Amino acid sequence: MISKKIEKALNGHLNYELGASLQYLAMASWCETMGMDGAASFFYGHAHEENLHFIKLFQYINEVNGHAIVPQVKQPNHSFKGIAEICQMAYENEKKVTQAIFSLVELAKAEDDHVTTEMLRFYVQEQREEETLFQKVLDKIKLIGTGSQSLYYIDKELGNLAAPSPEPPADNEA
C-alpha cells in the first residue's frame, strides 16, 4: 500500500522518535539524580510519549504492507550543565523533529499517498504542541532565573506540567 520510498522515509523517522524517547530518559535520570523530582517526572512522561509515537509509527508501517525496522540509535547525551541547557536541548530537538515530519508530509503528498498524509497529521499536531510547550518552559526559566533557589521553582513548574506517568507492570506481569 505504501511505496518503497515512503517506507524507507518512515523507517528513517523511527530513529527520531526512539532517539527522543531515550534522550528524554537520560534527561529524566539526570534530573532525578540532582533531586529535581518534578523535572524528572516531566521528562519521564515525555520519554513515554515519544515511545508511544515510535510504536504508533512502527505499527503503521507494518499495517500498510511495509516492513518496520527497529533503528540503531546513538547513545543519548547524559551529562548536562543544568536544567536550562536540558530544556533548550529538548526544544531544539523538537524543532528538528518538526522539520523531519514536514519533510515526510511533503514526500507523502508528492507520492500521492493520502493515507500516510492523513496519518502524519497526528504528528504535525503533536509537534506544534511540543514546540509551544518547550518555548513556554524556556520563557518560564528566563522569568524565574537559574540560581540555586530558582531551581526549586523550575522543578515545581515542570512537575506541574508532567503528565501522570503510567504504572509500571507488577512483578508477576513483567
N, C-alpha and C. Protein backbone atom coordinates (compact mmCIF):
# COMPACT_ATOMS: atom_id res chain seq x y z
N MET A 1 0.81 -1.19 0.00
CA MET A 1 0.00 0.00 0.00
C MET A 1 0.86 1.26 0.00
N ILE A 2 2.02 1.27 0.69
CA ILE A 2 2.90 2.43 0.61
C ILE A 2 4.05 2.11 -0.34
N SER A 3 4.59 3.16 -0.91
CA SER A 3 5.73 2.97 -1.81
C SER A 3 6.99 2.65 -1.00
N LYS A 4 7.97 2.08 -1.67
CA LYS A 4 9.24 1.78 -1.00
C LYS A 4 9.91 3.08 -0.53
N LYS A 5 9.70 4.14 -1.27
CA LYS A 5 10.27 5.44 -0.90
C LYS A 5 9.68 5.94 0.43
N ILE A 6 8.35 5.82 0.56
CA ILE A 6 7.68 6.22 1.80
C ILE A 6 8.10 5.28 2.94
N GLU A 7 8.15 3.99 2.66
CA GLU A 7 8.55 3.02 3.67
C GLU A 7 9.94 3.35 4.21
N LYS A 8 10.87 3.63 3.32
CA LYS A 8 12.24 3.96 3.73
C LYS A 8 12.26 5.24 4.57
N ALA A 9 11.51 6.25 4.14
CA ALA A 9 11.48 7.53 4.88
C ALA A 9 10.86 7.35 6.26
N LEU A 10 9.78 6.59 6.35
CA LEU A 10 9.14 6.37 7.65
C LEU A 10 10.05 5.56 8.57
N ASN A 11 10.71 4.55 8.02
CA ASN A 11 11.67 3.79 8.82
C ASN A 11 12.79 4.70 9.32
N GLY A 12 13.23 5.62 8.48
CA GLY A 12 14.25 6.58 8.89
C GLY A 12 13.78 7.47 10.03
N HIS A 13 12.50 7.81 9.99
CA HIS A 13 11.96 8.69 11.03
C HIS A 13 11.83 7.97 12.37
N LEU A 14 11.74 6.66 12.34
CA LEU A 14 11.68 5.91 13.60
C LEU A 14 12.85 6.26 14.51
N ASN A 15 13.98 6.56 13.91
CA ASN A 15 15.17 6.93 14.67
C ASN A 15 14.93 8.19 15.48
N TYR A 16 14.22 9.16 14.89
CA TYR A 16 13.92 10.40 15.62
C TYR A 16 13.06 10.12 16.85
N GLU A 17 12.02 9.30 16.66
CA GLU A 17 11.09 9.04 17.76
C GLU A 17 11.73 8.23 18.87
N LEU A 18 12.44 7.16 18.52
CA LEU A 18 13.09 6.35 19.53
C LEU A 18 14.24 7.11 20.18
N GLY A 19 15.00 7.85 19.37
CA GLY A 19 16.09 8.66 19.90
C GLY A 19 15.59 9.70 20.89
N ALA A 20 14.45 10.32 20.59
CA ALA A 20 13.87 11.31 21.50
C ALA A 20 13.45 10.65 22.81
N SER A 21 12.86 9.47 22.72
CA SER A 21 12.46 8.76 23.93
C SER A 21 13.66 8.48 24.83
N LEU A 22 14.74 8.01 24.23
CA LEU A 22 15.94 7.70 25.01
C LEU A 22 16.60 8.97 25.56
N GLN A 23 16.59 10.05 24.77
CA GLN A 23 17.16 11.30 25.26
C GLN A 23 16.37 11.84 26.44
N TYR A 24 15.04 11.75 26.36
CA TYR A 24 14.22 12.20 27.48
C TYR A 24 14.45 11.33 28.72
N LEU A 25 14.69 10.03 28.53
CA LEU A 25 15.02 9.18 29.67
C LEU A 25 16.32 9.64 30.32
N ALA A 26 17.31 9.95 29.50
CA ALA A 26 18.59 10.43 30.03
C ALA A 26 18.40 11.74 30.78
N MET A 27 17.58 12.62 30.26
CA MET A 27 17.29 13.89 30.93
C MET A 27 16.58 13.64 32.26
N ALA A 28 15.62 12.73 32.25
CA ALA A 28 14.89 12.40 33.48
C ALA A 28 15.83 11.84 34.53
N SER A 29 16.73 10.98 34.10
CA SER A 29 17.68 10.39 35.04
C SER A 29 18.58 11.45 35.65
N TRP A 30 19.07 12.37 34.82
CA TRP A 30 19.92 13.45 35.33
C TRP A 30 19.15 14.28 36.36
N CYS A 31 17.91 14.65 36.01
CA CYS A 31 17.10 15.46 36.93
C CYS A 31 16.87 14.72 38.23
N GLU A 32 16.58 13.45 38.14
CA GLU A 32 16.31 12.66 39.34
C GLU A 32 17.55 12.60 40.24
N THR A 33 18.73 12.42 39.64
CA THR A 33 19.95 12.36 40.45
C THR A 33 20.30 13.71 41.05
N MET A 34 19.76 14.77 40.49
CA MET A 34 20.02 16.12 41.01
C MET A 34 18.94 16.54 42.02
N GLY A 35 18.02 15.64 42.34
CA GLY A 35 16.97 15.94 43.31
C GLY A 35 15.82 16.73 42.74
N MET A 36 15.72 16.79 41.43
CA MET A 36 14.64 17.54 40.78
C MET A 36 13.55 16.56 40.35
N ASP A 37 12.77 16.11 41.31
CA ASP A 37 11.78 15.08 41.05
C ASP A 37 10.66 15.54 40.11
N GLY A 38 10.28 16.80 40.20
CA GLY A 38 9.25 17.32 39.29
C GLY A 38 9.73 17.30 37.85
N ALA A 39 10.94 17.77 37.63
CA ALA A 39 11.52 17.77 36.29
C ALA A 39 11.71 16.34 35.79
N ALA A 40 12.15 15.46 36.68
CA ALA A 40 12.32 14.05 36.31
C ALA A 40 10.99 13.47 35.84
N SER A 41 9.94 13.74 36.58
CA SER A 41 8.60 13.24 36.21
C SER A 41 8.18 13.80 34.85
N PHE A 42 8.44 15.06 34.63
CA PHE A 42 8.13 15.72 33.36
C PHE A 42 8.85 15.01 32.20
N PHE A 43 10.13 14.75 32.35
CA PHE A 43 10.89 14.12 31.28
C PHE A 43 10.60 12.62 31.15
N TYR A 44 10.29 11.93 32.24
CA TYR A 44 9.85 10.54 32.13
C TYR A 44 8.56 10.47 31.31
N GLY A 45 7.66 11.40 31.56
CA GLY A 45 6.42 11.44 30.79
C GLY A 45 6.68 11.66 29.31
N HIS A 46 7.62 12.54 29.01
CA HIS A 46 7.95 12.79 27.60
C HIS A 46 8.61 11.57 26.96
N ALA A 47 9.43 10.88 27.71
CA ALA A 47 10.05 9.65 27.19
C ALA A 47 8.97 8.63 26.84
N HIS A 48 8.01 8.50 27.71
CA HIS A 48 6.91 7.57 27.47
C HIS A 48 6.11 7.98 26.23
N GLU A 49 5.81 9.26 26.12
CA GLU A 49 5.04 9.76 24.98
C GLU A 49 5.79 9.53 23.67
N GLU A 50 7.09 9.80 23.66
CA GLU A 50 7.88 9.57 22.43
C GLU A 50 7.94 8.09 22.08
N ASN A 51 7.99 7.25 23.09
CA ASN A 51 7.98 5.81 22.84
C ASN A 51 6.65 5.39 22.21
N LEU A 52 5.55 5.96 22.69
CA LEU A 52 4.25 5.67 22.08
C LEU A 52 4.21 6.14 20.63
N HIS A 53 4.80 7.29 20.35
CA HIS A 53 4.86 7.79 18.96
C HIS A 53 5.66 6.83 18.09
N PHE A 54 6.76 6.33 18.64
CA PHE A 54 7.59 5.36 17.93
C PHE A 54 6.77 4.12 17.58
N ILE A 55 6.08 3.58 18.58
CA ILE A 55 5.31 2.35 18.36
C ILE A 55 4.17 2.58 17.37
N LYS A 56 3.51 3.72 17.48
CA LYS A 56 2.41 4.05 16.55
C LYS A 56 2.92 4.07 15.11
N LEU A 57 4.04 4.70 14.88
CA LEU A 57 4.61 4.78 13.54
C LEU A 57 5.11 3.41 13.08
N PHE A 58 5.74 2.68 13.97
CA PHE A 58 6.25 1.34 13.69
C PHE A 58 5.12 0.43 13.21
N GLN A 59 4.03 0.44 13.97
CA GLN A 59 2.88 -0.39 13.61
C GLN A 59 2.23 0.08 12.31
N TYR A 60 2.18 1.39 12.10
CA TYR A 60 1.61 1.91 10.86
C TYR A 60 2.36 1.36 9.65
N ILE A 61 3.67 1.39 9.71
CA ILE A 61 4.47 0.90 8.58
C ILE A 61 4.07 -0.53 8.24
N ASN A 62 3.94 -1.37 9.25
CA ASN A 62 3.55 -2.76 9.02
C ASN A 62 2.11 -2.89 8.54
N GLU A 63 1.22 -2.05 9.06
CA GLU A 63 -0.20 -2.11 8.68
C GLU A 63 -0.42 -1.81 7.20
N VAL A 64 0.45 -0.99 6.64
CA VAL A 64 0.26 -0.59 5.24
C VAL A 64 1.22 -1.36 4.31
N ASN A 65 1.49 -2.60 4.71
CA ASN A 65 2.29 -3.54 3.91
C ASN A 65 3.74 -3.14 3.74
N GLY A 66 4.25 -2.36 4.67
CA GLY A 66 5.68 -2.08 4.69
C GLY A 66 6.33 -3.05 5.67
N HIS A 67 7.58 -2.81 5.95
CA HIS A 67 8.29 -3.61 6.95
C HIS A 67 9.04 -2.65 7.86
N ALA A 68 8.54 -2.52 9.08
CA ALA A 68 9.18 -1.62 10.06
C ALA A 68 10.46 -2.27 10.57
N ILE A 69 11.50 -1.46 10.63
CA ILE A 69 12.81 -1.92 11.09
C ILE A 69 13.19 -1.15 12.35
N VAL A 70 13.55 -1.88 13.40
CA VAL A 70 13.98 -1.23 14.64
C VAL A 70 15.31 -0.53 14.35
N PRO A 71 15.37 0.78 14.58
CA PRO A 71 16.60 1.51 14.26
C PRO A 71 17.68 1.34 15.32
N GLN A 72 18.88 1.52 14.88
CA GLN A 72 20.00 1.60 15.82
C GLN A 72 20.15 3.08 16.16
N VAL A 73 20.09 3.38 17.43
CA VAL A 73 20.19 4.78 17.84
C VAL A 73 21.48 4.99 18.62
N LYS A 74 21.99 6.20 18.52
CA LYS A 74 23.22 6.50 19.25
C LYS A 74 22.90 6.76 20.72
N GLN A 75 23.92 6.59 21.52
CA GLN A 75 23.79 6.84 22.97
C GLN A 75 23.38 8.30 23.18
N PRO A 76 22.31 8.55 23.93
CA PRO A 76 21.92 9.94 24.18
C PRO A 76 22.90 10.63 25.11
N ASN A 77 22.91 11.95 25.02
CA ASN A 77 23.70 12.75 25.94
C ASN A 77 23.17 12.50 27.35
N HIS A 78 24.04 12.33 28.31
CA HIS A 78 23.60 12.08 29.69
C HIS A 78 24.26 13.00 30.71
N SER A 79 25.06 13.93 30.21
CA SER A 79 25.73 14.87 31.09
C SER A 79 25.30 16.28 30.71
N PHE A 80 24.81 17.00 31.68
CA PHE A 80 24.26 18.33 31.40
C PHE A 80 24.80 19.34 32.40
N LYS A 81 24.80 20.60 31.99
CA LYS A 81 25.26 21.69 32.87
C LYS A 81 24.15 22.18 33.78
N GLY A 82 22.91 22.00 33.35
CA GLY A 82 21.80 22.47 34.16
C GLY A 82 20.48 22.29 33.46
N ILE A 83 19.42 22.61 34.16
CA ILE A 83 18.07 22.41 33.64
C ILE A 83 17.78 23.31 32.45
N ALA A 84 18.34 24.50 32.43
CA ALA A 84 18.12 25.39 31.28
C ALA A 84 18.71 24.77 30.01
N GLU A 85 19.90 24.19 30.14
CA GLU A 85 20.51 23.53 28.99
C GLU A 85 19.66 22.35 28.52
N ILE A 86 19.14 21.58 29.45
CA ILE A 86 18.30 20.43 29.10
C ILE A 86 17.06 20.89 28.34
N CYS A 87 16.40 21.90 28.85
CA CYS A 87 15.17 22.37 28.21
C CYS A 87 15.45 22.99 26.84
N GLN A 88 16.56 23.69 26.71
CA GLN A 88 16.94 24.25 25.41
C GLN A 88 17.23 23.12 24.43
N MET A 89 17.94 22.10 24.89
CA MET A 89 18.25 20.95 24.04
C MET A 89 16.96 20.25 23.59
N ALA A 90 16.03 20.09 24.51
CA ALA A 90 14.75 19.46 24.18
C ALA A 90 14.00 20.28 23.14
N TYR A 91 13.99 21.59 23.31
CA TYR A 91 13.32 22.48 22.35
C TYR A 91 13.96 22.38 20.97
N GLU A 92 15.27 22.41 20.92
CA GLU A 92 15.97 22.32 19.63
C GLU A 92 15.70 20.97 18.97
N ASN A 93 15.68 19.91 19.75
CA ASN A 93 15.39 18.60 19.20
C ASN A 93 13.97 18.53 18.65
N GLU A 94 13.02 19.10 19.38
CA GLU A 94 11.64 19.11 18.90
C GLU A 94 11.52 19.87 17.58
N LYS A 95 12.28 20.94 17.43
CA LYS A 95 12.25 21.69 16.17
C LYS A 95 12.81 20.84 15.02
N LYS A 96 13.84 20.05 15.29
CA LYS A 96 14.39 19.15 14.26
C LYS A 96 13.37 18.09 13.87
N VAL A 97 12.70 17.55 14.86
CA VAL A 97 11.69 16.53 14.58
C VAL A 97 10.55 17.14 13.76
N THR A 98 10.16 18.35 14.09
CA THR A 98 9.11 19.02 13.33
C THR A 98 9.50 19.13 11.86
N GLN A 99 10.71 19.55 11.59
CA GLN A 99 11.16 19.66 10.20
C GLN A 99 11.18 18.30 9.51
N ALA A 100 11.56 17.26 10.24
CA ALA A 100 11.56 15.91 9.67
C ALA A 100 10.13 15.47 9.35
N ILE A 101 9.18 15.78 10.23
CA ILE A 101 7.77 15.45 9.97
C ILE A 101 7.28 16.21 8.74
N PHE A 102 7.62 17.49 8.65
CA PHE A 102 7.21 18.27 7.48
C PHE A 102 7.76 17.66 6.20
N SER A 103 8.97 17.17 6.24
CA SER A 103 9.56 16.52 5.05
C SER A 103 8.79 15.25 4.70
N LEU A 104 8.37 14.51 5.72
CA LEU A 104 7.57 13.32 5.45
C LEU A 104 6.23 13.68 4.83
N VAL A 105 5.61 14.73 5.32
CA VAL A 105 4.33 15.18 4.77
C VAL A 105 4.51 15.55 3.30
N GLU A 106 5.55 16.30 3.01
CA GLU A 106 5.81 16.71 1.62
C GLU A 106 6.05 15.49 0.73
N LEU A 107 6.79 14.52 1.22
CA LEU A 107 7.04 13.31 0.45
C LEU A 107 5.74 12.54 0.21
N ALA A 108 4.93 12.40 1.26
CA ALA A 108 3.66 11.69 1.12
C ALA A 108 2.76 12.39 0.10
N LYS A 109 2.74 13.71 0.12
CA LYS A 109 1.94 14.45 -0.86
C LYS A 109 2.50 14.24 -2.27
N ALA A 110 3.81 14.29 -2.41
CA ALA A 110 4.44 14.10 -3.72
C ALA A 110 4.18 12.70 -4.27
N GLU A 111 4.10 11.73 -3.36
CA GLU A 111 3.84 10.34 -3.76
C GLU A 111 2.34 10.07 -3.89
N ASP A 112 1.53 11.09 -3.66
CA ASP A 112 0.07 10.98 -3.72
C ASP A 112 -0.44 9.91 -2.74
N ASP A 113 0.20 9.85 -1.58
CA ASP A 113 -0.13 8.87 -0.55
C ASP A 113 -1.02 9.55 0.49
N HIS A 114 -2.33 9.51 0.23
CA HIS A 114 -3.28 10.20 1.10
C HIS A 114 -3.38 9.56 2.48
N VAL A 115 -3.21 8.25 2.55
CA VAL A 115 -3.31 7.55 3.83
C VAL A 115 -2.17 8.00 4.76
N THR A 116 -0.96 8.03 4.23
CA THR A 116 0.18 8.45 5.06
C THR A 116 0.07 9.93 5.40
N THR A 117 -0.36 10.73 4.45
CA THR A 117 -0.55 12.16 4.71
C THR A 117 -1.52 12.35 5.87
N GLU A 118 -2.61 11.61 5.85
CA GLU A 118 -3.60 11.72 6.93
C GLU A 118 -3.02 11.25 8.26
N MET A 119 -2.29 10.14 8.26
CA MET A 119 -1.69 9.63 9.49
C MET A 119 -0.71 10.65 10.08
N LEU A 120 0.03 11.34 9.22
CA LEU A 120 1.04 12.29 9.68
C LEU A 120 0.44 13.54 10.32
N ARG A 121 -0.85 13.79 10.11
CA ARG A 121 -1.49 14.94 10.76
C ARG A 121 -1.34 14.87 12.27
N PHE A 122 -1.45 13.66 12.80
CA PHE A 122 -1.26 13.45 14.24
C PHE A 122 0.10 13.98 14.68
N TYR A 123 1.13 13.64 13.92
CA TYR A 123 2.49 14.04 14.29
C TYR A 123 2.70 15.54 14.11
N VAL A 124 2.09 16.13 13.11
CA VAL A 124 2.18 17.58 12.91
C VAL A 124 1.58 18.30 14.12
N GLN A 125 0.42 17.85 14.56
CA GLN A 125 -0.24 18.46 15.73
C GLN A 125 0.60 18.26 16.99
N GLU A 126 1.12 17.06 17.18
CA GLU A 126 1.96 16.79 18.34
C GLU A 126 3.18 17.71 18.38
N GLN A 127 3.80 17.91 17.23
CA GLN A 127 4.99 18.75 17.18
C GLN A 127 4.67 20.20 17.48
N ARG A 128 3.53 20.67 17.02
CA ARG A 128 3.12 22.04 17.36
C ARG A 128 2.98 22.18 18.86
N GLU A 129 2.35 21.19 19.48
CA GLU A 129 2.16 21.23 20.93
C GLU A 129 3.50 21.16 21.67
N GLU A 130 4.40 20.32 21.20
CA GLU A 130 5.70 20.16 21.87
C GLU A 130 6.54 21.42 21.76
N GLU A 131 6.60 22.00 20.58
CA GLU A 131 7.39 23.23 20.42
C GLU A 131 6.83 24.34 21.29
N THR A 132 5.52 24.47 21.31
CA THR A 132 4.88 25.50 22.13
C THR A 132 5.17 25.26 23.61
N LEU A 133 5.06 24.02 24.04
CA LEU A 133 5.33 23.69 25.44
C LEU A 133 6.75 24.05 25.83
N PHE A 134 7.73 23.62 25.03
CA PHE A 134 9.11 23.89 25.42
C PHE A 134 9.47 25.36 25.31
N GLN A 135 8.84 26.09 24.40
CA GLN A 135 9.06 27.53 24.35
C GLN A 135 8.54 28.19 25.62
N LYS A 136 7.39 27.73 26.09
CA LYS A 136 6.83 28.27 27.34
C LYS A 136 7.71 27.91 28.53
N VAL A 137 8.24 26.69 28.54
CA VAL A 137 9.14 26.28 29.62
C VAL A 137 10.37 27.17 29.64
N LEU A 138 10.96 27.41 28.47
CA LEU A 138 12.14 28.28 28.39
C LEU A 138 11.81 29.70 28.82
N ASP A 139 10.63 30.18 28.46
CA ASP A 139 10.20 31.52 28.89
C ASP A 139 10.09 31.58 30.41
N LYS A 140 9.54 30.53 31.03
CA LYS A 140 9.43 30.50 32.49
C LYS A 140 10.81 30.47 33.14
N ILE A 141 11.73 29.70 32.56
CA ILE A 141 13.08 29.64 33.11
C ILE A 141 13.74 31.02 33.05
N LYS A 142 13.54 31.74 31.95
CA LYS A 142 14.09 33.11 31.85
C LYS A 142 13.47 34.01 32.91
N LEU A 143 12.19 33.84 33.15
CA LEU A 143 11.48 34.65 34.13
C LEU A 143 11.94 34.32 35.55
N ILE A 144 12.07 33.05 35.85
CA ILE A 144 12.42 32.60 37.20
C ILE A 144 13.91 32.76 37.46
N GLY A 145 14.73 32.52 36.44
CA GLY A 145 16.18 32.54 36.61
C GLY A 145 16.70 31.14 36.86
N THR A 146 18.01 31.00 36.96
CA THR A 146 18.61 29.67 37.13
C THR A 146 19.47 29.57 38.38
N GLY A 147 19.34 30.51 39.27
CA GLY A 147 20.10 30.43 40.53
C GLY A 147 19.64 29.23 41.36
N SER A 148 20.40 28.90 42.37
CA SER A 148 20.10 27.70 43.16
C SER A 148 18.69 27.74 43.77
N GLN A 149 18.26 28.89 44.24
CA GLN A 149 16.91 28.97 44.80
C GLN A 149 15.84 28.91 43.71
N SER A 150 16.18 29.36 42.52
CA SER A 150 15.24 29.31 41.41
C SER A 150 14.97 27.89 40.95
N LEU A 151 15.92 27.00 41.17
CA LEU A 151 15.75 25.60 40.74
C LEU A 151 14.53 24.96 41.38
N TYR A 152 14.25 25.33 42.62
CA TYR A 152 13.07 24.80 43.30
C TYR A 152 11.81 25.15 42.50
N TYR A 153 11.70 26.38 42.06
CA TYR A 153 10.51 26.83 41.32
C TYR A 153 10.45 26.23 39.92
N ILE A 154 11.58 26.10 39.28
CA ILE A 154 11.61 25.46 37.97
C ILE A 154 11.17 24.00 38.11
N ASP A 155 11.71 23.31 39.10
CA ASP A 155 11.34 21.92 39.34
C ASP A 155 9.84 21.79 39.60
N LYS A 156 9.32 22.69 40.40
CA LYS A 156 7.90 22.68 40.73
C LYS A 156 7.06 22.93 39.47
N GLU A 157 7.45 23.90 38.66
CA GLU A 157 6.73 24.20 37.41
C GLU A 157 6.72 23.00 36.47
N LEU A 158 7.89 22.37 36.30
CA LEU A 158 7.96 21.20 35.43
C LEU A 158 7.13 20.05 35.99
N GLY A 159 7.16 19.89 37.29
CA GLY A 159 6.34 18.85 37.91
C GLY A 159 4.86 19.08 37.67
N ASN A 160 4.43 20.34 37.68
CA ASN A 160 3.04 20.68 37.40
C ASN A 160 2.66 20.37 35.96
N LEU A 161 3.64 20.44 35.06
CA LEU A 161 3.38 20.16 33.63
C LEU A 161 3.45 18.67 33.31
N ALA A 162 3.96 17.88 34.23
CA ALA A 162 4.15 16.45 33.98
C ALA A 162 2.81 15.74 33.88
N ALA A 163 2.70 14.91 32.85
CA ALA A 163 1.52 14.05 32.72
C ALA A 163 1.65 12.93 33.73
N PRO A 164 0.54 12.43 34.23
CA PRO A 164 0.65 11.29 35.15
C PRO A 164 1.35 10.14 34.45
N SER A 165 2.37 9.59 35.09
CA SER A 165 3.12 8.52 34.45
C SER A 165 2.37 7.20 34.61
N PRO A 166 2.50 6.34 33.59
CA PRO A 166 1.82 5.05 33.68
C PRO A 166 2.45 4.21 34.78
N GLU A 167 1.64 3.38 35.37
CA GLU A 167 2.13 2.49 36.42
C GLU A 167 2.99 1.41 35.79
N PRO A 168 4.16 1.11 36.37
CA PRO A 168 4.96 0.01 35.85
C PRO A 168 4.24 -1.30 36.11
N PRO A 169 4.50 -2.32 35.28
CA PRO A 169 3.81 -3.60 35.50
C PRO A 169 4.21 -4.21 36.84
N ALA A 170 3.28 -4.93 37.45
CA ALA A 170 3.60 -5.64 38.69
C ALA A 170 4.65 -6.70 38.40
N ASP A 171 5.38 -7.11 39.42
CA ASP A 171 6.46 -8.07 39.24
C ASP A 171 6.01 -9.33 38.51
N ASN A 172 4.80 -9.79 38.75
CA ASN A 172 4.34 -11.00 38.11
C ASN A 172 3.84 -10.78 36.69
N GLU A 173 3.72 -9.50 36.25
CA GLU A 173 3.26 -9.19 34.90
C GLU A 173 4.42 -8.99 33.93
N ALA A 174 5.61 -8.70 34.43
CA ALA A 174 6.73 -8.38 33.56
C ALA A 174 7.31 -9.58 32.87
